């Protein structure tokens, strides 16, 4: 009987996670890629970075293996596919959208220590330290920083060229996710949220 209880407990953790998250998957019908998903709070997030090819997207250091490892790096205009509206679908699969700053804030509130969102963290979000791409084409900060776009334009900049982004740092894992304004021409990663 003792072994049966352990099997049942393991099955519950595998489906719902140690902290009650529900795991799943989605298939992007555009290219057949399968993504892990995780429900955190009342939102279902991709638990992997988007890896859908489009113009103005790259693999880290232009190495194909890094797209398989980290997903693709995009400019903001690439992820939004011409839309400037919050929660637009953009480059996300059908039924999903680019998360807003407020949706990222809910995630950061649910897990106040960024390490809980890292690969192996308690959230199941599995955020890799995958670096970023500068507008001049330079890639940097692999293993040190995770960088993500939101759909929210920072209206403090009158020309609309800056948007809110979310960062986490491997050397400061107990700090919450940081929010910054970043120029749209930088290259960062994307997680989608279910509509």
Foldseek 3Di string as FASTA:
>chain_A
DVVVVVVVVVVCCVQQNPVRKGKDWDAQVVVGDIFIWIDFDNWIKTLAWAADDDPQKAAFVNDPVSCVVHHIWHFLCQQQVPDLDFQHQRPPGPQKGFAAPVVVVVVCVSPVFQLLCDQVHRRSSHFAQQFWAALVGDTDRHVFKAKEFGSAFDVVDPVSQWGKIWMDTPVRRRHTIDIDIDGRSIIHTTMIIGD
